[in-house]
Amino acid sequence: MTTTPTPHAIADELRTHIAAEYLAGEDASDLTDDFDLVASGVIDSLGLVRLVSHIVTAYQVPVDDLEIKPEHFRNIAAITELIVRHSAPAAA
C-alpha cells in the first residue's frame, strides 16, 4: 500500500526541487509557499514543462489530469494543492 505524502511534505519536496533546478545556489528555505514563481520569472514556459514532468514522475499524477494554467503553478502552495487534489484516493 502506497501512502500519499502530506501537503507539508509535498511543499518541502517542491521547494527543494525548485531551488535545485531553477535557483542554483539559493537556499530552499528562502523560497516561501506564496512566492510568485511565474511573475518573478523563476518558472517560464520551458520551466513549466520540466516542472509538470517532475510532478508526473514524483507523484504519479497523470499529465492529462493536470490543469496547466498559470494560477496552478504560480507558487508552491498552488502546486501543492494541485498535487493533493489529483493524488487523493478515489472514493470507494
Protein backbone atom coordinates (compact mmCIF):
# COMPACT_ATOMS: atom_id res chain seq x y z
CA MET A 1 0.00 0.00 0.00
CA THR A 2 1.40 3.39 -1.02
CA THR A 3 0.69 6.35 1.20
CA THR A 4 0.17 9.81 -0.21
CA PRO A 5 2.64 12.33 1.17
CA THR A 6 1.22 15.07 3.38
CA PRO A 7 0.75 18.53 1.89
CA HIS A 8 3.64 19.74 4.07
CA ALA A 9 5.94 17.00 2.73
CA ILE A 10 4.90 17.80 -0.85
CA ALA A 11 5.59 21.52 -0.34
CA ASP A 12 9.00 20.76 1.17
CA GLU A 13 9.92 18.47 -1.72
CA LEU A 14 8.76 21.04 -4.28
CA ARG A 15 10.71 23.79 -2.51
CA THR A 16 13.88 21.68 -2.60
CA HIS A 17 13.31 20.67 -6.24
CA ILE A 18 12.62 24.21 -7.44
CA ALA A 19 15.61 25.64 -5.58
CA ALA A 20 17.91 22.96 -7.02
CA GLU A 21 16.58 23.05 -10.60
CA TYR A 22 15.66 26.70 -11.11
CA LEU A 23 17.52 28.72 -8.47
CA ALA A 24 21.06 27.32 -8.47
CA GLY A 25 22.89 28.30 -5.33
CA GLU A 26 19.82 29.53 -3.47
CA ASP A 27 18.72 28.15 -0.14
CA ALA A 28 15.43 26.25 -0.40
CA SER A 29 14.30 27.68 2.93
CA ASP A 30 14.25 31.17 1.34
CA LEU A 31 11.51 30.03 -1.05
CA THR A 32 8.19 30.72 0.68
CA ASP A 33 4.92 28.98 -0.15
CA ASP A 34 3.47 32.20 -1.58
CA PHE A 35 6.49 33.40 -3.59
CA ASP A 36 5.24 34.10 -7.13
CA LEU A 37 7.27 31.75 -9.32
CA VAL A 38 5.68 32.97 -12.57
CA ALA A 39 5.83 36.75 -12.08
CA SER A 40 9.40 36.53 -10.79
CA GLY A 41 10.47 34.58 -13.87
CA VAL A 42 11.64 31.54 -11.90
CA ILE A 43 9.21 29.36 -13.86
CA ASP A 44 8.95 30.17 -17.56
CA SER A 45 7.29 28.10 -20.29
CA LEU A 46 10.17 25.61 -20.52
CA GLY A 47 10.41 25.50 -16.75
CA LEU A 48 6.70 24.71 -16.57
CA VAL A 49 7.15 21.74 -18.90
CA ARG A 50 10.02 20.48 -16.73
CA LEU A 51 8.01 21.02 -13.53
CA VAL A 52 4.99 19.15 -14.93
CA SER A 53 7.32 16.28 -15.85
CA HIS A 54 8.64 16.24 -12.29
CA ILE A 55 5.11 16.19 -10.83
CA VAL A 56 4.06 13.34 -13.13
CA THR A 57 7.13 11.31 -12.19
CA ALA A 58 7.39 12.10 -8.49
CA TYR A 59 3.69 11.97 -7.61
CA GLN A 60 2.28 9.66 -10.31
CA VAL A 61 -0.24 12.29 -11.35
CA PRO A 62 -1.26 11.68 -14.98
CA VAL A 63 -0.46 14.72 -17.11
CA ASP A 64 -3.99 14.53 -18.56
CA ASP A 65 -5.33 15.20 -15.06
CA LEU A 66 -3.31 18.39 -14.59
CA GLU A 67 -4.94 21.69 -15.42
CA ILE A 68 -1.95 23.53 -16.85
CA LYS A 69 -2.88 27.11 -16.08
CA PRO A 70 -0.58 29.79 -14.66
CA GLU A 71 -2.62 30.09 -11.47
CA HIS A 72 -2.00 26.40 -10.68
CA PHE A 73 1.77 26.86 -10.88
CA ARG A 74 2.10 30.41 -9.53
CA ASN A 75 3.54 29.36 -6.17
CA ILE A 76 4.38 26.32 -4.07
CA ALA A 77 1.04 26.47 -2.25
CA ALA A 78 -0.91 26.32 -5.54
CA ILE A 79 1.24 23.49 -6.92
CA THR A 80 0.87 21.55 -3.67
CA GLU A 81 -2.91 21.98 -3.80
CA LEU A 82 -2.97 20.71 -7.39
CA ILE A 83 -0.93 17.62 -6.48
CA VAL A 84 -3.04 16.88 -3.39
CA ARG A 85 -6.27 17.25 -5.38
CA HIS A 86 -5.05 14.76 -8.02
CA SER A 87 -3.40 12.38 -5.57
CA ALA A 88 -6.46 11.92 -3.39
CA PRO A 89 -7.62 8.32 -3.30
CA ALA A 90 -10.70 7.63 -5.38
CA ALA A 91 -13.88 7.42 -3.39
CA ALA A 92 -14.99 3.87 -2.75
